[in-house]
């Protein structure tokens, strides 16, 4: 019985291993420069939407698209009398792209006024999922949501 017990104790002892040499420090390869962003291709309907959400204020009869993490709207639609004032940072001749086609809106002083019954407003409200406002200085691609239609209908 002593023999198996001796063998059992002998098998439990650690066998020393030769110490491995420390790994050589290898300088990491420089990270490749990120590839430049590709120029927008395809149609405006394939572009990513601006991040944010539409908000409706019944008191001021305004729908505003407010970007995520900001309090300043990118675009607001406000009913004033018998017209709707579109306000944004765009200027000059702005192309309006909707699923119904392309129109032009003239922005002066940060905004444009359209009669409440202007068909361009209906094209925005009924565009399939999105619409875009484009000018040489930049543009917006925004989702179509019910807040837009509320302002238009309230103004009519």
N, C-alpha and C. Protein backbone atom coordinates (compact mmCIF):
# COMPACT_ATOMS: atom_id res chain seq x y z
N UNK A 1 0.82 -1.18 0.00
CA UNK A 1 0.00 0.00 0.00
C UNK A 1 0.87 1.25 0.00
N UNK A 2 2.04 1.13 0.54
CA UNK A 2 2.93 2.27 0.59
C UNK A 2 3.42 2.63 -0.79
N UNK A 3 3.59 1.65 -1.65
CA UNK A 3 4.07 1.92 -3.00
C UNK A 3 3.07 2.75 -3.82
N UNK A 4 1.81 2.36 -3.85
CA UNK A 4 0.88 3.21 -4.62
C UNK A 4 0.77 4.61 -4.03
N UNK A 5 0.83 4.74 -2.71
CA UNK A 5 0.75 6.06 -2.10
C UNK A 5 1.96 6.89 -2.47
N UNK A 6 3.15 6.29 -2.53
CA UNK A 6 4.37 6.99 -2.91
C UNK A 6 4.28 7.44 -4.35
N UNK A 7 3.78 6.58 -5.22
CA UNK A 7 3.63 6.94 -6.63
C UNK A 7 2.61 8.09 -6.79
N UNK A 8 1.57 8.05 -6.02
CA UNK A 8 0.56 9.11 -6.08
C UNK A 8 1.15 10.45 -5.65
N UNK A 9 1.92 10.46 -4.59
CA UNK A 9 2.54 11.70 -4.11
C UNK A 9 3.58 12.18 -5.12
N UNK A 10 4.34 11.26 -5.71
CA UNK A 10 5.37 11.64 -6.68
C UNK A 10 4.75 12.23 -7.93
N UNK A 11 3.57 11.76 -8.33
CA UNK A 11 2.94 12.28 -9.54
C UNK A 11 2.35 13.66 -9.32
N UNK A 12 2.13 14.05 -8.09
CA UNK A 12 1.55 15.35 -7.79
C UNK A 12 2.59 16.46 -7.70
N UNK A 13 3.82 16.10 -7.63
CA UNK A 13 4.82 17.14 -7.48
C UNK A 13 5.04 17.83 -8.82
N UNK A 14 5.36 19.10 -8.75
CA UNK A 14 5.55 19.90 -9.96
C UNK A 14 6.90 19.60 -10.56
N UNK A 15 6.94 19.50 -11.84
CA UNK A 15 8.19 19.28 -12.55
C UNK A 15 8.66 20.66 -12.99
N UNK A 16 9.86 21.04 -12.61
CA UNK A 16 10.34 22.37 -13.00
C UNK A 16 10.54 22.44 -14.51
N UNK A 17 10.15 23.56 -15.07
CA UNK A 17 10.33 23.79 -16.50
C UNK A 17 11.35 24.89 -16.67
N UNK A 18 12.13 24.79 -17.74
CA UNK A 18 13.12 25.85 -17.94
C UNK A 18 12.39 27.17 -18.21
N UNK A 19 12.97 28.23 -17.71
CA UNK A 19 12.35 29.55 -17.86
C UNK A 19 12.49 30.00 -19.30
N UNK A 20 11.37 30.42 -19.89
CA UNK A 20 11.39 30.88 -21.28
C UNK A 20 11.96 32.28 -21.33
N UNK A 21 12.68 32.59 -22.41
CA UNK A 21 13.21 33.96 -22.52
C UNK A 21 12.06 34.95 -22.67
N UNK A 22 12.23 36.17 -22.13
CA UNK A 22 11.14 37.15 -22.24
C UNK A 22 10.88 37.48 -23.71
N UNK A 23 9.61 37.72 -24.05
CA UNK A 23 9.30 38.03 -25.45
C UNK A 23 9.94 39.35 -25.85
N UNK A 24 10.41 39.38 -27.07
CA UNK A 24 11.01 40.61 -27.56
C UNK A 24 9.90 41.61 -27.86
N UNK A 25 10.15 42.85 -27.50
CA UNK A 25 9.12 43.85 -27.78
C UNK A 25 9.16 44.17 -29.26
N UNK A 26 7.98 44.10 -29.85
CA UNK A 26 7.85 44.38 -31.26
C UNK A 26 7.05 45.67 -31.39
N UNK A 27 7.60 46.60 -32.12
CA UNK A 27 6.89 47.87 -32.31
C UNK A 27 5.64 47.61 -33.13
N UNK A 28 4.49 48.10 -32.66
CA UNK A 28 3.27 47.86 -33.43
C UNK A 28 3.33 48.59 -34.77
N UNK A 29 2.76 47.94 -35.74
CA UNK A 29 2.71 48.56 -37.08
C UNK A 29 1.79 49.76 -37.02
N UNK A 30 2.14 50.84 -37.70
CA UNK A 30 1.25 52.01 -37.67
C UNK A 30 -0.09 51.66 -38.30
N UNK A 31 -1.13 52.20 -37.70
CA UNK A 31 -2.48 51.95 -38.22
C UNK A 31 -2.63 52.64 -39.57
N UNK A 32 -3.28 51.96 -40.49
CA UNK A 32 -3.45 52.59 -41.80
C UNK A 32 -4.37 53.80 -41.68
N UNK A 33 -4.12 54.78 -42.50
CA UNK A 33 -4.96 55.98 -42.50
C UNK A 33 -6.36 55.59 -42.95
N UNK A 34 -7.39 56.15 -42.30
CA UNK A 34 -8.75 55.79 -42.72
C UNK A 34 -8.99 56.24 -44.15
N UNK A 35 -9.76 55.44 -44.85
CA UNK A 35 -10.08 55.78 -46.24
C UNK A 35 -10.99 57.00 -46.24
N UNK A 36 -10.84 57.87 -47.21
CA UNK A 36 -11.72 59.04 -47.26
C UNK A 36 -13.15 58.60 -47.51
N UNK A 37 -14.07 59.40 -46.97
CA UNK A 37 -15.49 59.10 -47.16
C UNK A 37 -15.82 59.19 -48.64
N UNK A 38 -16.56 58.22 -49.15
CA UNK A 38 -16.89 58.28 -50.57
C UNK A 38 -17.87 59.42 -50.84
N UNK A 39 -17.77 59.95 -52.02
CA UNK A 39 -18.72 61.00 -52.42
C UNK A 39 -20.10 60.37 -52.48
N UNK A 40 -21.14 61.13 -52.09
CA UNK A 40 -22.47 60.55 -52.13
C UNK A 40 -22.77 60.03 -53.53
N UNK A 41 -23.22 58.81 -53.58
CA UNK A 41 -23.58 58.24 -54.86
C UNK A 41 -25.02 57.78 -54.78
N UNK A 42 -25.59 57.56 -55.91
CA UNK A 42 -26.98 57.15 -55.93
C UNK A 42 -27.88 58.35 -55.76
N UNK A 43 -29.12 58.07 -55.58
CA UNK A 43 -30.09 59.14 -55.50
C UNK A 43 -30.24 59.66 -54.07
N UNK A 44 -30.88 60.79 -53.94
CA UNK A 44 -31.13 61.39 -52.63
C UNK A 44 -31.96 60.46 -51.77
N UNK A 45 -32.72 59.58 -52.39
CA UNK A 45 -33.58 58.66 -51.64
C UNK A 45 -32.79 57.59 -50.90
N UNK A 46 -31.50 57.43 -51.25
CA UNK A 46 -30.66 56.42 -50.61
C UNK A 46 -29.76 57.01 -49.53
N UNK A 47 -29.74 58.33 -49.40
CA UNK A 47 -28.90 58.98 -48.39
C UNK A 47 -29.42 58.69 -46.99
N UNK A 48 -28.51 58.77 -46.04
CA UNK A 48 -28.91 58.64 -44.64
C UNK A 48 -29.70 59.88 -44.23
N UNK A 49 -30.69 59.68 -43.40
CA UNK A 49 -31.48 60.79 -42.88
C UNK A 49 -30.68 61.54 -41.83
N UNK A 50 -30.91 62.84 -41.71
CA UNK A 50 -30.33 63.59 -40.59
C UNK A 50 -30.87 62.99 -39.30
N UNK A 51 -30.01 62.87 -38.30
CA UNK A 51 -30.44 62.33 -37.00
C UNK A 51 -31.24 63.38 -36.25
N UNK A 52 -32.34 62.97 -35.69
CA UNK A 52 -33.16 63.89 -34.92
C UNK A 52 -34.62 63.46 -34.97
N UNK A 53 -35.49 64.37 -34.56
CA UNK A 53 -36.92 64.06 -34.51
C UNK A 53 -37.73 65.33 -34.74
N UNK A 54 -38.92 65.12 -35.27
CA UNK A 54 -39.86 66.22 -35.45
C UNK A 54 -40.58 66.47 -34.14
N UNK A 55 -40.81 67.75 -33.84
CA UNK A 55 -41.57 68.15 -32.64
C UNK A 55 -42.65 69.11 -33.08
N UNK A 56 -43.82 68.98 -32.49
CA UNK A 56 -44.94 69.86 -32.83
C UNK A 56 -45.30 70.69 -31.62
N UNK A 57 -45.46 71.99 -31.83
CA UNK A 57 -45.89 72.91 -30.77
C UNK A 57 -47.20 73.53 -31.22
N UNK A 58 -48.30 73.09 -30.60
CA UNK A 58 -49.62 73.57 -30.99
C UNK A 58 -49.79 75.06 -30.70
N UNK A 59 -49.18 75.56 -29.64
CA UNK A 59 -49.31 76.97 -29.27
C UNK A 59 -48.76 77.90 -30.33
N UNK A 60 -47.60 77.56 -30.87
CA UNK A 60 -47.00 78.42 -31.89
C UNK A 60 -47.28 77.91 -33.30
N UNK A 61 -48.00 76.79 -33.40
CA UNK A 61 -48.34 76.17 -34.69
C UNK A 61 -47.07 75.93 -35.51
N UNK A 62 -46.12 75.23 -34.87
CA UNK A 62 -44.82 74.99 -35.46
C UNK A 62 -44.45 73.51 -35.39
N UNK A 63 -43.91 73.02 -36.50
CA UNK A 63 -43.26 71.70 -36.53
C UNK A 63 -41.78 71.98 -36.73
N UNK A 64 -40.94 71.41 -35.88
CA UNK A 64 -39.50 71.65 -35.96
C UNK A 64 -38.76 70.33 -35.95
N UNK A 65 -37.78 70.21 -36.85
CA UNK A 65 -36.92 69.04 -36.85
C UNK A 65 -35.68 69.39 -36.05
N UNK A 66 -35.54 68.74 -34.90
CA UNK A 66 -34.45 69.04 -33.96
C UNK A 66 -33.45 67.88 -33.98
N UNK A 67 -32.17 68.20 -34.28
CA UNK A 67 -31.18 67.12 -34.31
C UNK A 67 -30.93 66.54 -32.92
N UNK A 68 -30.52 65.29 -32.91
CA UNK A 68 -30.21 64.60 -31.67
C UNK A 68 -29.12 65.36 -30.91
N UNK A 69 -29.35 65.63 -29.64
CA UNK A 69 -28.37 66.29 -28.79
C UNK A 69 -28.30 67.80 -28.96
N UNK A 70 -29.29 68.40 -29.58
CA UNK A 70 -29.29 69.85 -29.78
C UNK A 70 -30.67 70.41 -29.45
N UNK A 71 -30.72 71.71 -29.22
CA UNK A 71 -32.00 72.36 -28.98
C UNK A 71 -32.41 73.23 -30.17
N UNK A 72 -31.48 73.48 -31.08
CA UNK A 72 -31.76 74.34 -32.24
C UNK A 72 -32.24 73.49 -33.41
N UNK A 73 -33.39 73.83 -33.97
CA UNK A 73 -33.91 73.03 -35.09
C UNK A 73 -33.11 73.24 -36.37
N UNK A 74 -33.05 72.19 -37.19
CA UNK A 74 -32.46 72.29 -38.52
C UNK A 74 -33.46 72.92 -39.49
N UNK A 75 -34.73 72.64 -39.26
CA UNK A 75 -35.79 73.18 -40.11
C UNK A 75 -37.04 73.33 -39.26
N UNK A 76 -37.71 74.45 -39.44
CA UNK A 76 -39.00 74.61 -38.77
C UNK A 76 -40.02 75.10 -39.78
N UNK A 77 -41.26 74.67 -39.60
CA UNK A 77 -42.39 75.07 -40.42
C UNK A 77 -43.39 75.73 -39.48
N UNK A 78 -43.64 77.01 -39.67
CA UNK A 78 -44.51 77.76 -38.77
C UNK A 78 -45.65 78.39 -39.55
N UNK A 79 -46.88 78.18 -39.06
CA UNK A 79 -48.04 78.80 -39.68
C UNK A 79 -48.14 80.24 -39.18
N UNK A 80 -48.18 81.15 -40.12
CA UNK A 80 -48.29 82.56 -39.79
C UNK A 80 -49.31 83.18 -40.74
N UNK A 81 -50.52 83.40 -40.22
CA UNK A 81 -51.57 83.91 -41.09
C UNK A 81 -51.95 82.84 -42.10
N UNK A 82 -51.93 83.20 -43.36
CA UNK A 82 -52.28 82.25 -44.41
C UNK A 82 -51.07 81.66 -45.10
N UNK A 83 -49.92 81.71 -44.46
CA UNK A 83 -48.72 81.14 -45.09
C UNK A 83 -47.93 80.34 -44.08
N UNK A 84 -47.02 79.54 -44.63
CA UNK A 84 -46.13 78.73 -43.78
C UNK A 84 -44.71 79.22 -44.02
N UNK A 85 -44.06 79.57 -42.93
CA UNK A 85 -42.68 80.06 -42.97
C UNK A 85 -41.76 78.88 -42.69
N UNK A 86 -40.90 78.57 -43.66
CA UNK A 86 -39.88 77.53 -43.48
C UNK A 86 -38.60 78.25 -43.07
N UNK A 87 -38.01 77.85 -41.95
CA UNK A 87 -36.80 78.49 -41.44
C UNK A 87 -35.70 77.45 -41.30
N UNK A 88 -34.52 77.78 -41.84
CA UNK A 88 -33.36 76.89 -41.70
C UNK A 88 -32.09 77.69 -41.98
N UNK A 89 -30.97 77.04 -41.93
CA UNK A 89 -29.70 77.68 -42.22
C UNK A 89 -29.39 77.73 -43.71
N UNK A 90 -30.29 77.26 -44.54
CA UNK A 90 -30.07 77.26 -45.99
C UNK A 90 -30.31 78.66 -46.54
N UNK A 91 -29.68 78.94 -47.69
CA UNK A 91 -29.85 80.25 -48.29
C UNK A 91 -29.86 80.13 -49.81
N UNK A 92 -30.53 81.09 -50.43
CA UNK A 92 -30.56 81.15 -51.89
C UNK A 92 -31.59 80.20 -52.46
N UNK A 93 -31.34 79.80 -53.72
CA UNK A 93 -32.24 78.86 -54.38
C UNK A 93 -31.99 77.46 -53.84
N UNK A 94 -33.00 76.87 -53.24
CA UNK A 94 -32.89 75.56 -52.61
C UNK A 94 -33.75 74.58 -53.41
N UNK A 95 -33.16 73.44 -53.73
CA UNK A 95 -33.91 72.39 -54.42
C UNK A 95 -34.67 71.57 -53.38
N UNK A 96 -35.94 71.39 -53.63
CA UNK A 96 -36.79 70.55 -52.79
C UNK A 96 -36.99 69.24 -53.55
N UNK A 97 -36.53 68.14 -52.95
CA UNK A 97 -36.69 66.83 -53.59
C UNK A 97 -37.68 66.01 -52.77
N UNK A 98 -38.72 65.57 -53.45
CA UNK A 98 -39.73 64.70 -52.84
C UNK A 98 -39.96 63.54 -53.78
N UNK A 99 -40.73 62.57 -53.36
CA UNK A 99 -41.03 61.44 -54.24
C UNK A 99 -41.86 61.88 -55.44
N UNK A 100 -42.46 63.09 -55.39
CA UNK A 100 -43.24 63.62 -56.51
C UNK A 100 -42.37 64.35 -57.53
N UNK A 101 -41.12 64.66 -57.19
CA UNK A 101 -40.25 65.36 -58.14
C UNK A 101 -39.40 66.42 -57.46
N UNK A 102 -38.86 67.32 -58.29
CA UNK A 102 -37.97 68.37 -57.81
C UNK A 102 -38.62 69.72 -58.02
N UNK A 103 -38.56 70.57 -56.98
CA UNK A 103 -39.07 71.94 -57.03
C UNK A 103 -37.98 72.87 -56.51
N UNK A 104 -38.20 74.16 -56.67
CA UNK A 104 -37.27 75.17 -56.15
C UNK A 104 -38.00 76.03 -55.12
N UNK A 105 -37.28 76.39 -54.07
CA UNK A 105 -37.79 77.31 -53.05
C UNK A 105 -36.69 78.34 -52.82
N UNK A 106 -37.04 79.59 -52.78
CA UNK A 106 -36.06 80.66 -52.56
C UNK A 106 -36.03 80.99 -51.07
N UNK A 107 -34.87 80.77 -50.43
CA UNK A 107 -34.67 81.10 -49.02
C UNK A 107 -33.93 82.43 -48.94
N UNK A 108 -34.52 83.38 -48.25
CA UNK A 108 -33.89 84.68 -48.02
C UNK A 108 -33.92 84.98 -46.54
N UNK A 109 -32.80 85.42 -46.01
CA UNK A 109 -32.74 85.73 -44.58
C UNK A 109 -33.00 84.52 -43.70
N UNK A 110 -32.62 83.34 -44.17
CA UNK A 110 -32.79 82.13 -43.36
C UNK A 110 -34.14 81.49 -43.47
N UNK A 111 -35.00 81.98 -44.38
CA UNK A 111 -36.31 81.36 -44.47
C UNK A 111 -37.01 81.62 -45.79
N UNK A 112 -38.12 80.95 -45.96
CA UNK A 112 -38.97 81.10 -47.14
C UNK A 112 -40.42 81.03 -46.69
N UNK A 113 -41.28 81.85 -47.28
CA UNK A 113 -42.71 81.81 -46.96
C UNK A 113 -43.46 81.24 -48.16
N UNK A 114 -44.31 80.27 -47.87
CA UNK A 114 -45.13 79.64 -48.91
C UNK A 114 -46.59 79.79 -48.53
N UNK A 115 -47.46 80.08 -49.51
CA UNK A 115 -48.90 80.12 -49.20
C UNK A 115 -49.34 78.76 -48.63
N UNK A 116 -50.29 78.78 -47.72
CA UNK A 116 -50.72 77.55 -47.05
C UNK A 116 -51.21 76.49 -48.04
N UNK A 117 -51.70 76.89 -49.18
CA UNK A 117 -52.19 75.94 -50.18
C UNK A 117 -51.18 75.64 -51.28
N UNK A 118 -49.93 75.98 -51.07
CA UNK A 118 -48.88 75.72 -52.06
C UNK A 118 -48.72 74.21 -52.23
N UNK A 119 -48.75 73.72 -53.48
CA UNK A 119 -48.62 72.27 -53.70
C UNK A 119 -47.28 71.70 -53.24
N UNK A 120 -46.26 72.52 -53.12
CA UNK A 120 -44.96 72.01 -52.63
C UNK A 120 -45.07 71.52 -51.19
N UNK A 121 -45.93 72.14 -50.41
CA UNK A 121 -46.14 71.68 -49.02
C UNK A 121 -46.77 70.29 -49.02
N UNK A 122 -47.74 70.06 -49.91
CA UNK A 122 -48.35 68.74 -50.01
C UNK A 122 -47.33 67.70 -50.46
N UNK A 123 -46.44 68.10 -51.37
CA UNK A 123 -45.42 67.17 -51.83
C UNK A 123 -44.49 66.76 -50.70
N UNK A 124 -44.21 67.69 -49.78
CA UNK A 124 -43.39 67.35 -48.62
C UNK A 124 -44.17 66.40 -47.71
N UNK A 125 -45.40 66.76 -47.37
CA UNK A 125 -46.19 65.98 -46.42
C UNK A 125 -46.48 64.57 -46.92
N UNK A 126 -46.61 64.41 -48.24
CA UNK A 126 -46.97 63.10 -48.78
C UNK A 126 -45.82 62.39 -49.48
N UNK A 127 -44.61 62.91 -49.32
CA UNK A 127 -43.44 62.24 -49.91
C UNK A 127 -43.26 60.88 -49.23
N UNK A 128 -42.74 59.94 -49.94
CA UNK A 128 -42.60 58.58 -49.42
C UNK A 128 -41.42 58.46 -48.46
N UNK A 129 -41.66 58.76 -47.21
CA UNK A 129 -40.68 58.52 -46.16
C UNK A 129 -39.66 59.61 -45.91
N UNK A 130 -39.35 60.44 -46.91
CA UNK A 130 -38.31 61.44 -46.75
C UNK A 130 -38.46 62.53 -47.78
N UNK A 131 -37.79 63.65 -47.51
CA UNK A 131 -37.64 64.71 -48.49
C UNK A 131 -36.29 65.36 -48.25
N UNK A 132 -35.80 66.09 -49.25
CA UNK A 132 -34.49 66.71 -49.12
C UNK A 132 -34.56 68.16 -49.56
N UNK A 133 -33.81 69.00 -48.87
CA UNK A 133 -33.61 70.40 -49.24
C UNK A 133 -32.12 70.53 -49.52
N UNK A 134 -31.77 70.98 -50.73
CA UNK A 134 -30.36 71.04 -51.11
C UNK A 134 -30.01 72.41 -51.65
N UNK A 135 -28.88 72.92 -51.19
CA UNK A 135 -28.35 74.18 -51.70
C UNK A 135 -26.85 73.99 -51.89
N UNK A 136 -26.20 74.90 -52.61
CA UNK A 136 -24.76 74.74 -52.80
C UNK A 136 -23.98 74.70 -51.48
N UNK A 137 -24.49 75.32 -50.43
CA UNK A 137 -23.80 75.35 -49.15
C UNK A 137 -24.10 74.18 -48.24
N UNK A 138 -24.96 73.28 -48.63
CA UNK A 138 -25.31 72.15 -47.77
C UNK A 138 -26.72 71.69 -48.05
N UNK A 139 -27.16 70.76 -47.26
CA UNK A 139 -28.50 70.24 -47.47
C UNK A 139 -28.99 69.42 -46.29
N UNK A 140 -30.25 69.08 -46.35
CA UNK A 140 -30.91 68.29 -45.32
C UNK A 140 -31.67 67.16 -45.99
N UNK A 141 -31.64 65.99 -45.39
CA UNK A 141 -32.48 64.88 -45.81
C UNK A 141 -33.25 64.46 -44.56
N UNK A 142 -34.55 64.74 -44.57
CA UNK A 142 -35.35 64.60 -43.36
C UNK A 142 -36.48 63.59 -43.55
N UNK A 143 -36.87 62.94 -42.46
CA UNK A 143 -38.00 62.02 -42.55
C UNK A 143 -39.32 62.79 -42.63
N UNK A 144 -40.29 62.17 -43.25
CA UNK A 144 -41.64 62.75 -43.30
C UNK A 144 -42.42 62.13 -42.15
N UNK A 145 -42.97 63.00 -41.30
CA UNK A 145 -43.78 62.52 -40.19
C UNK A 145 -45.02 63.39 -40.06
N UNK A 146 -45.93 62.97 -39.23
CA UNK A 146 -47.25 63.61 -39.13
C UNK A 146 -47.20 65.07 -38.69
N UNK A 147 -46.17 65.50 -37.99
CA UNK A 147 -46.08 66.88 -37.52
C UNK A 147 -46.11 67.87 -38.69
N UNK A 148 -45.53 67.50 -39.82
CA UNK A 148 -45.53 68.36 -41.00
C UNK A 148 -46.96 68.59 -41.47
N UNK A 149 -47.71 67.52 -41.63
CA UNK A 149 -49.11 67.62 -42.07
C UNK A 149 -49.98 68.38 -41.09
N UNK A 150 -49.69 68.26 -39.79
CA UNK A 150 -50.49 68.99 -38.79
C UNK A 150 -50.36 70.49 -38.98
N UNK A 151 -49.14 70.98 -39.20
CA UNK A 151 -48.94 72.41 -39.39
C UNK A 151 -49.65 72.87 -40.66
N UNK A 152 -49.51 72.12 -41.73
CA UNK A 152 -50.13 72.50 -43.00
C UNK A 152 -51.65 72.54 -42.85
N UNK A 153 -52.22 71.52 -42.26
CA UNK A 153 -53.68 71.48 -42.09
C UNK A 153 -54.18 72.56 -41.14
N UNK A 154 -53.44 72.81 -40.06
CA UNK A 154 -53.83 73.86 -39.12
C UNK A 154 -53.81 75.22 -39.80
N UNK A 155 -52.93 75.40 -40.76
CA UNK A 155 -52.80 76.70 -41.43
C UNK A 155 -53.86 76.90 -42.50
N UNK A 156 -54.41 75.85 -42.98
CA UNK A 156 -55.45 75.94 -44.01
C UNK A 156 -56.78 76.17 -43.37
